[in-house]
PDB file of N, CA and C in Angstrom:
ATOM      1  N   MET A   1     122.844  75.670  87.896  1.00  0.00           N
ATOM      2  CA  MET A   1     121.563  74.899  88.085  1.00  0.00           C
ATOM      3  C   MET A   1     121.431  73.778  89.199  1.00  0.00           C
ATOM      4  N   ALA A   2     120.489  73.169  89.943  1.00  0.00           N
ATOM      5  CA  ALA A   2     120.273  72.429  90.533  1.00  0.00           C
ATOM      6  C   ALA A   2     120.157  71.022  90.257  1.00  0.00           C
ATOM      7  N   ASN A   3     121.042  69.822  90.957  1.00  0.00           N
ATOM      8  CA  ASN A   3     120.949  68.795  90.411  1.00  0.00           C
ATOM      9  C   ASN A   3     120.133  67.484  91.049  1.00  0.00           C
ATOM     10  N   HIS A   4     120.220  68.164  92.095  1.00  0.00           N
ATOM     11  CA  HIS A   4     119.092  67.184  93.084  1.00  0.00           C
ATOM     12  C   HIS A   4     117.382  67.240  92.709  1.00  0.00           C
ATOM     13  N   ALA A   5     116.826  66.231  92.909  1.00  0.00           N
ATOM     14  CA  ALA A   5     115.505  66.198  92.344  1.00  0.00           C
ATOM     15  C   ALA A   5     114.522  67.160  93.124  1.00  0.00           C
ATOM     16  N   SER A   6     114.984  67.383  94.596  1.00  0.00           N
ATOM     17  CA  SER A   6     114.552  68.296  95.525  1.00  0.00           C
ATOM     18  C   SER A   6     114.719  69.665  94.881  1.00  0.00           C
ATOM     19  N   ALA A   7     116.131  69.927  94.657  1.00  0.00           N
ATOM     20  CA  ALA A   7     116.663  71.016  94.673  1.00  0.00           C
ATOM     21  C   ALA A   7     115.699  71.525  93.564  1.00  0.00           C
ATOM     22  N   LEU A   8     115.196  70.800  92.875  1.00  0.00           N
ATOM     23  CA  LEU A   8     115.066  71.522  90.865  1.00  0.00           C
ATOM     24  C   LEU A   8     113.685  71.214  91.179  1.00  0.00           C
ATOM     25  N   LYS A   9     112.730  70.777  91.943  1.00  0.00           N
ATOM     26  CA  LYS A   9     111.497  70.736  92.361  1.00  0.00           C
ATOM     27  C   LYS A   9     111.609  72.105  92.873  1.00  0.00           C
ATOM     28  N   ARG A  10     112.005  72.497  94.193  1.00  0.00           N
ATOM     29  CA  ARG A  10     112.245  73.857  94.814  1.00  0.00           C
ATOM     30  C   ARG A  10     112.338  75.004  94.110  1.00  0.00           C
ATOM     31  N   TYR A  11     113.017  74.991  92.986  1.00  0.00           N
ATOM     32  CA  TYR A  11     113.436  75.836  91.774  1.00  0.00           C
ATOM     33  C   TYR A  11     111.678  75.870  91.074  1.00  0.00           C
ATOM     34  N   ARG A  12     111.558  75.054  90.852  1.00  0.00           N
ATOM     35  CA  ARG A  12     110.341  75.076  89.817  1.00  0.00           C
ATOM     36  C   ARG A  12     109.156  75.956  90.770  1.00  0.00           C
ATOM     37  N   GLN A  13     108.987  75.566  92.248  1.00  0.00           N
ATOM     38  CA  GLN A  13     107.840  76.197  93.096  1.00  0.00           C
ATOM     39  C   GLN A  13     107.979  77.442  92.720  1.00  0.00           C
ATOM     40  N   SER A  14     110.100  77.904  93.463  1.00  0.00           N
ATOM     41  CA  SER A  14     109.915  79.573  93.721  1.00  0.00           C
ATOM     42  C   SER A  14     109.539  80.419  92.377  1.00  0.00           C
ATOM     43  N   VAL A  15     109.871  79.705  90.855  1.00  0.00           N
ATOM     44  CA  VAL A  15     109.176  80.530  89.632  1.00  0.00           C
ATOM     45  C   VAL A  15     107.663  80.690  89.791  1.00  0.00           C
ATOM     46  N   LYS A  16     107.285  79.646  89.811  1.00  0.00           N
ATOM     47  CA  LYS A  16     105.722  79.866  90.076  1.00  0.00           C
ATOM     48  C   LYS A  16     105.348  80.889  91.001  1.00  0.00           C
ATOM     49  N   ARG A  17     105.675  80.522  91.941  1.00  0.00           N
ATOM     50  CA  ARG A  17     105.610  81.664  93.446  1.00  0.00           C
ATOM     51  C   ARG A  17     106.119  83.100  92.992  1.00  0.00           C
ATOM     52  N   ARG A  18     107.089  83.268  92.630  1.00  0.00           N
ATOM     53  CA  ARG A  18     107.486  84.568  91.771  1.00  0.00           C
ATOM     54  C   ARG A  18     106.589  85.222  90.665  1.00  0.00           C
ATOM     55  N   LEU A  19     105.892  84.231  89.975  1.00  0.00           N
ATOM     56  CA  LEU A  19     105.527  84.922  89.146  1.00  0.00           C
ATOM     57  C   LEU A  19     104.105  85.166  89.407  1.00  0.00           C
ATOM     58  N   HIS A  20     103.539  84.479  90.422  1.00  0.00           N
ATOM     59  CA  HIS A  20     102.270  84.917  91.678  1.00  0.00           C
ATOM     60  C   HIS A  20     102.123  85.838  92.016  1.00  0.00           C
ATOM     61  N   ASN A  21     103.320  85.923  93.027  1.00  0.00           N
ATOM     62  CA  ASN A  21     103.615  87.527  93.950  1.00  0.00           C
ATOM     63  C   ASN A  21     103.285  88.678  93.157  1.00  0.00           C
ATOM     64  N   ARG A  22     104.571  88.658  91.711  1.00  0.00           N
ATOM     65  CA  ARG A  22     104.577  89.501  90.878  1.00  0.00           C
ATOM     66  C   ARG A  22     103.189  89.815  90.116  1.00  0.00           C
ATOM     67  N   TYR A  23     102.292  89.141  90.085  1.00  0.00           N
ATOM     68  CA  TYR A  23     100.883  89.501  89.412  1.00  0.00           C
ATOM     69  C   TYR A  23     100.016  90.101  90.495  1.00  0.00           C
ATOM     70  N   PHE A  24     100.252  89.872  91.972  1.00  0.00           N
ATOM     71  CA  PHE A  24      99.162  90.662  92.969  1.00  0.00           C
ATOM     72  C   PHE A  24     100.310  92.196  93.314  1.00  0.00           C
ATOM     73  N   LYS A  25     101.594  91.833  93.098  1.00  0.00           N
ATOM     74  CA  LYS A  25     102.311  93.324  93.304  1.00  0.00           C
ATOM     75  C   LYS A  25     101.509  94.290  92.533  1.00  0.00           C
ATOM     76  N   THR A  26     101.920  93.598  91.089  1.00  0.00           N
ATOM     77  CA  THR A  26     101.276  94.793  90.034  1.00  0.00           C
ATOM     78  C   THR A  26     100.139  95.246  90.221  1.00  0.00           C
ATOM     79  N   SER A  27      99.007  94.049  90.554  1.00  0.00           N
ATOM     80  CA  SER A  27      97.422  94.696  90.707  1.00  0.00           C
ATOM     81  C   SER A  27      97.397  95.839  91.705  1.00  0.00           C
ATOM     82  N   MET A  28      98.469  95.450  93.260  1.00  0.00           N
ATOM     83  CA  MET A  28      98.132  96.594  93.948  1.00  0.00           C
ATOM     84  C   MET A  28      98.630  97.928  93.544  1.00  0.00           C
ATOM     85  N   LYS A  29      99.569  98.012  92.393  1.00  0.00           N
ATOM     86  CA  LYS A  29     100.382  99.275  92.073  1.00  0.00           C
ATOM     87  C   LYS A  29      99.258  99.891  91.153  1.00  0.00           C
ATOM     88  N   THR A  30      98.554  98.932  90.348  1.00  0.00           N
ATOM     89  CA  THR A  30      97.875  99.545  89.667  1.00  0.00           C
ATOM     90  C   THR A  30      96.409  99.977  89.902  1.00  0.00           C
ATOM     91  N   SER A  31      96.003  99.145  91.073  1.00  0.00           N
ATOM     92  CA  SER A  31      94.805  99.638  91.978  1.00  0.00           C
ATOM     93  C   SER A  31      95.189 101.406  92.731  1.00  0.00           C
ATOM     94  N   ILE A  32      96.310 101.388  93.052  1.00  0.00           N
ATOM     95  CA  ILE A  32      97.011 102.910  93.685  1.00  0.00           C
ATOM     96  C   ILE A  32      96.857 103.988  92.167  1.00  0.00           C
ATOM     97  N   LYS A  33      97.325 103.406  91.645  1.00  0.00           N
ATOM     98  CA  LYS A  33      97.042 104.434  90.103  1.00  0.00           C
ATOM     99  C   LYS A  33      95.685 105.140  89.757  1.00  0.00           C
ATOM    100  N   LYS A  34      94.722 103.766  89.479  1.00  0.00           N
ATOM    101  CA  LYS A  34      93.318 104.182  89.825  1.00  0.00           C
ATOM    102  C   LYS A  34      92.757 105.428  90.274  1.00  0.00           C
ATOM    103  N   PHE A  35      93.100 105.012  92.093  1.00  0.00           N
ATOM    104  CA  PHE A  35      92.993 105.719  93.021  1.00  0.00           C
ATOM    105  C   PHE A  35      93.441 107.478  92.820  1.00  0.00           C
ATOM    106  N   LEU A  36      94.666 107.291  92.433  1.00  0.00           N
ATOM    107  CA  LEU A  36      95.351 108.587  92.204  1.00  0.00           C
ATOM    108  C   LEU A  36      94.940 109.241  91.069  1.00  0.00           C
ATOM    109  N   ALA A  37      94.747 108.036  90.118  1.00  0.00           N
ATOM    110  CA  ALA A  37      93.950 109.326  88.899  1.00  0.00           C
ATOM    111  C   ALA A  37      92.690 110.029  89.341  1.00  0.00           C
ATOM    112  N   ALA A  38      92.028 109.017  89.815  1.00  0.00           N
ATOM    113  CA  ALA A  38      90.689 109.622  90.282  1.00  0.00           C
ATOM    114  C   ALA A  38      90.541 110.738  91.480  1.00  0.00           C
ATOM    115  N   LEU A  39      91.442 110.683  92.220  1.00  0.00           N
ATOM    116  CA  LEU A  39      91.689 111.809  92.953  1.00  0.00           C
ATOM    117  C   LEU A  39      92.292 113.104  91.837  1.00  0.00           C
ATOM    118  N   GLU A  40      93.012 112.894  90.461  1.00  0.00           N
ATOM    119  CA  GLU A  40      93.129 113.925  89.928  1.00  0.00           C
ATOM    120  C   GLU A  40      91.828 114.495  89.191  1.00  0.00           C
ATOM    121  N   GLY A  41      91.101 113.552  88.794  1.00  0.00           N
ATOM    122  CA  GLY A  41      89.789 114.063  88.124  1.00  0.00           C
ATOM    123  C   GLY A  41      89.047 114.774  89.534  1.00  0.00           C
ATOM    124  N   GLY A  42      89.075 114.686  90.212  1.00  0.00           N
ATOM    125  CA  GLY A  42      88.278 115.435  91.156  1.00  0.00           C
ATOM    126  C   GLY A  42      87.053 115.148  91.822  1.00  0.00           C
ATOM    127  N   ASP A  43      86.613 113.749  91.464  1.00  0.00           N
ATOM    128  CA  ASP A  43      84.990 113.164  91.698  1.00  0.00           C
ATOM    129  C   ASP A  43      85.540 112.557  92.812  1.00  0.00           C
ATOM    130  N   LYS A  44      84.747 113.050  94.061  1.00  0.00           N
ATOM    131  CA  LYS A  44      84.453 112.064  94.934  1.00  0.00           C
ATOM    132  C   LYS A  44      84.463 111.083  95.344  1.00  0.00           C
ATOM    133  N   THR A  45      83.206 110.689  94.509  1.00  0.00           N
ATOM    134  CA  THR A  45      82.636 109.632  94.446  1.00  0.00           C
ATOM    135  C   THR A  45      83.607 108.302  94.075  1.00  0.00           C
ATOM    136  N   VAL A  46      83.729 108.482  92.781  1.00  0.00           N
ATOM    137  CA  VAL A  46      84.871 107.581  91.895  1.00  0.00           C
ATOM    138  C   VAL A  46      86.068 107.678  92.991  1.00  0.00           C
ATOM    139  N   ALA A  47      86.369 108.362  93.745  1.00  0.00           N
ATOM    140  CA  ALA A  47      87.570 108.531  94.280  1.00  0.00           C
ATOM    141  C   ALA A  47      87.630 107.481  95.454  1.00  0.00           C
ATOM    142  N   GLY A  48      86.384 107.559  96.112  1.00  0.00           N
ATOM    143  CA  GLY A  48      86.360 107.220  97.606  1.00  0.00           C
ATOM    144  C   GLY A  48      85.887 105.719  97.213  1.00  0.00           C
ATOM    145  N   GLU A  49      85.364 104.985  95.898  1.00  0.00           N
ATOM    146  CA  GLU A  49      85.345 103.442  95.874  1.00  0.00           C
ATOM    147  C   GLU A  49      86.710 103.000  95.100  1.00  0.00           C
ATOM    148  N   THR A  50      87.423 103.724  94.632  1.00  0.00           N
ATOM    149  CA  THR A  50      88.364 103.447  93.770  1.00  0.00           C
ATOM    150  C   THR A  50      89.542 103.242  95.530  1.00  0.00           C
ATOM    151  N   LEU A  51      89.254 104.154  96.089  1.00  0.00           N
ATOM    152  CA  LEU A  51      90.157 103.705  97.770  1.00  0.00           C
ATOM    153  C   LEU A  51      89.647 102.998  97.761  1.00  0.00           C
ATOM    154  N   LYS A  52      88.396 102.759  98.358  1.00  0.00           N
ATOM    155  CA  LYS A  52      88.272 101.456  99.322  1.00  0.00           C
ATOM    156  C   LYS A  52      88.542  99.913  98.402  1.00  0.00           C
ATOM    157  N   ASN A  53      88.427 100.141  97.396  1.00  0.00           N
ATOM    158  CA  ASN A  53      89.064  98.972  96.390  1.00  0.00           C
ATOM    159  C   ASN A  53      90.715  98.502  97.034  1.00  0.00           C
ATOM    160  N   ALA A  54      90.836 100.044  97.038  1.00  0.00           N
ATOM    161  CA  ALA A  54      92.820  99.712  97.002  1.00  0.00           C
ATOM    162  C   ALA A  54      93.233  99.572  98.755  1.00  0.00           C
ATOM    163  N   ARG A  55      92.440  99.712  99.434  1.00  0.00           N
ATOM    164  CA  ARG A  55      92.077  99.253 100.971  1.00  0.00           C
ATOM    165  C   ARG A  55      92.480  97.574 101.307  1.00  0.00           C
ATOM    166  N   VAL A  56      91.179  97.449 100.629  1.00  0.00           N
ATOM    167  CA  VAL A  56      90.671  96.275 100.360  1.00  0.00           C
ATOM    168  C   VAL A  56      91.732  95.317  99.692  1.00  0.00           C
ATOM    169  N   PHE A  57      92.758  95.606  98.804  1.00  0.00           N
ATOM    170  CA  PHE A  57      93.477  94.598  98.001  1.00  0.00           C
ATOM    171  C   PHE A  57      95.089  95.117  99.020  1.00  0.00           C
ATOM    172  N   LEU A  58      95.007  96.149  99.631  1.00  0.00           N
ATOM    173  CA  LEU A  58      96.191  96.319 100.606  1.00  0.00           C
ATOM    174  C   LEU A  58      96.270  95.280 101.423  1.00  0.00           C
ATOM    175  N   ASP A  59      95.203  95.175 102.123  1.00  0.00           N
ATOM    176  CA  ASP A  59      95.062  94.706 103.255  1.00  0.00           C
ATOM    177  C   ASP A  59      95.185  92.921 103.069  1.00  0.00           C
ATOM    178  N   LYS A  60      94.795  92.629 102.120  1.00  0.00           N
ATOM    179  CA  LYS A  60      94.747  91.052 101.625  1.00  0.00           C
ATOM    180  C   LYS A  60      95.921  90.995 101.723  1.00  0.00           C
ATOM    181  N   LEU A  61      96.910  91.594 100.659  1.00  0.00           N
ATOM    182  CA  LEU A  61      98.189  91.400 100.381  1.00  0.00           C
ATOM    183  C   LEU A  61      99.180  91.557 101.764  1.00  0.00           C
ATOM    184  N   ALA A  62      98.893  91.899 102.678  1.00  0.00           N
ATOM    185  CA  ALA A  62      99.264  91.996 103.786  1.00  0.00           C
ATOM    186  C   ALA A  62      99.399  90.916 104.728  1.00  0.00           C
ATOM    187  N   GLY A  63      97.994  90.539 104.826  1.00  0.00           N
ATOM    188  CA  GLY A  63      97.790  89.004 105.334  1.00  0.00           C
ATOM    189  C   GLY A  63      97.734  87.780 104.831  1.00  0.00           C
ATOM    190  N   LYS A  64      98.344  88.218 103.434  1.00  0.00           N
ATOM    191  CA  LYS A  64      98.965  86.971 102.867  1.00  0.00           C
ATOM    192  C   LYS A  64     100.446  86.833 103.172  1.00  0.00           C
ATOM    193  N   GLY A  65     100.905  87.648 103.216  1.00  0.00           N
ATOM    194  CA  GLY A  65     102.702  87.850 103.390  1.00  0.00           C
ATOM    195  C   GLY A  65     103.302  88.206 102.295  1.00  0.00           C
ATOM    196  N   LEU A  66     102.459  88.841 101.489  1.00  0.00           N
ATOM    197  CA  LEU A  66     103.545  89.587  99.989  1.00  0.00           C
ATOM    198  C   LEU A  66     104.026  90.956 100.182  1.00  0.00           C
ATOM    199  N   VAL A  67     103.520  91.657 101.237  1.00  0.00           N
ATOM    200  CA  VAL A  67     104.041  92.930 101.458  1.00  0.00           C
ATOM    201  C   VAL A  67     103.869  92.981 103.067  1.00  0.00           C
ATOM    202  N   HIS A  68     104.825  93.790 103.811  1.00  0.00           N
ATOM    203  CA  HIS A  68     104.481  93.811 105.023  1.00  0.00           C
ATOM    204  C   HIS A  68     103.231  94.745 105.637  1.00  0.00           C
ATOM    205  N   ARG A  69     102.958  94.074 107.022  1.00  0.00           N
ATOM    206  CA  ARG A  69     101.963  94.850 107.301  1.00  0.00           C
ATOM    207  C   ARG A  69     101.757  96.319 107.647  1.00  0.00           C
ATOM    208  N   ASN A  70     103.422  96.909 107.664  1.00  0.00           N
ATOM    209  CA  ASN A  70     103.741  98.230 108.270  1.00  0.00           C
ATOM    210  C   ASN A  70     103.462  98.981 106.610  1.00  0.00           C
ATOM    211  N   LEU A  71     103.958  98.564 105.745  1.00  0.00           N
ATOM    212  CA  LEU A  71     104.340  99.211 104.525  1.00  0.00           C
ATOM    213  C   LEU A  71     102.609  99.216 104.137  1.00  0.00           C
ATOM    214  N   ALA A  72     102.034  98.493 104.016  1.00  0.00           N
ATOM    215  CA  ALA A  72     100.347  98.419 103.551  1.00  0.00           C
ATOM    216  C   ALA A  72      99.525  99.234 104.354  1.00  0.00           C
ATOM    217  N   ALA A  73      99.963  99.661 105.819  1.00  0.00           N
ATOM    218  CA  ALA A  73      99.253 100.518 106.807  1.00  0.00           C
ATOM    219  C   ALA A  73      99.592 101.963 106.353  1.00  0.00           C
ATOM    220  N   ARG A  74     101.023 101.884 106.090  1.00  0.00           N
ATOM    221  CA  ARG A  74     101.807 103.307 105.512  1.00  0.00           C
ATOM    222  C   ARG A  74     100.651 103.909 104.493  1.00  0.00           C
ATOM    223  N   ARG A  75     100.694 103.255 103.575  1.00  0.00           N
ATOM    224  CA  ARG A  75      99.883 103.354 101.742  1.00  0.00           C
ATOM    225  C   ARG A  75      98.428 103.693 102.406  1.00  0.00           C
ATOM    226  N   ILE A  76      97.817 102.928 103.185  1.00  0.00           N
ATOM    227  CA  ILE A  76      96.432 103.401 103.225  1.00  0.00           C
ATOM    228  C   ILE A  76      96.143 104.412 104.000  1.00  0.00           C
ATOM    229  N   SER A  77      97.201 104.582 105.163  1.00  0.00           N
ATOM    230  CA  SER A  77      97.454 105.859 105.916  1.00  0.00           C
ATOM    231  C   SER A  77      97.385 107.279 104.756  1.00  0.00           C
ATOM    232  N   ARG A  78      98.427 106.756 104.061  1.00  0.00           N
ATOM    233  CA  ARG A  78      98.552 108.357 103.122  1.00  0.00           C
ATOM    234  C   ARG A  78      97.870 108.273 102.105  1.00  0.00           C
ATOM    235  N   LEU A  79      97.155 107.295 101.480  1.00  0.00           N
ATOM    236  CA  LEU A  79      96.294 107.352 100.118  1.00  0.00           C
ATOM    237  C   LEU A  79      95.035 108.280 101.003  1.00  0.00           C
ATOM    238  N   THR A  80      94.230 107.764 102.456  1.00  0.00           N
ATOM    239  CA  THR A  80      93.411 108.015 102.937  1.00  0.00           C
ATOM    240  C   THR A  80      93.525 109.855 103.276  1.00  0.00           C
ATOM    241  N   ARG A  81      94.406 109.982 103.557  1.00  0.00           N
ATOM    242  CA  ARG A  81      95.223 111.363 103.958  1.00  0.00           C
ATOM    243  C   ARG A  81      94.627 112.135 102.494  1.00  0.00           C
ATOM    244  N   LYS A  82      95.371 111.720 101.610  1.00  0.00           N
ATOM    245  CA  LYS A  82      95.054 112.478 100.172  1.00  0.00           C
ATOM    246  C   LYS A  82      93.783 112.463  99.980  1.00  0.00           C
ATOM    247  N   TYR A  83      92.873 111.554 100.073  1.00  0.00           N
ATOM    248  CA  TYR A  83      91.591 111.817 100.123  1.00  0.00           C
ATOM    249  C   TYR A  83      90.955 112.277 101.158  1.00  0.00           C
ATOM    250  N   ASN A  84      90.933 112.655 101.980  1.00  0.00           N
ATOM    251  CA  ASN A  84      90.532 113.488 102.812  1.00  0.00           C
ATOM    252  C   ASN A  84      90.973 115.063 102.480  1.00  0.00           C
ATOM    253  N   ALA A  85      91.837 115.159 102.200  1.00  0.00           N
ATOM    254  CA  ALA A  85      92.492 116.916 101.600  1.00  0.00           C
ATOM    255  C   ALA A  85      91.392 117.103 100.657  1.00  0.00           C
ATOM    256  N   LEU A  86      90.638 115.825 100.017  1.00  0.00           N
ATOM    257  CA  LEU A  86      90.228 116.618  98.942  1.00  0.00           C
ATOM    258  C   LEU A  86      88.395 116.956  99.100  1.00  0.00           C
TER     259      LEU A  86
END
């Protein structure tokens, strides 16, 4: 554990930031799972809405730097291909 005041503050900030980032990353995974579940159901309208939500979420996280922009683009591309195959 750190002893200097600045190091202690940095530790507190990193813990807070890690929890914040974890919340958004799990939300991203949940939105993808919702889309895949809608895709399994075969309902194109529901799948389209959930795909839109997942795309917006991935773009937002890539813009904030929580995930790499190429990772976001790759996942969006794969999800879109699955939707178009329906």
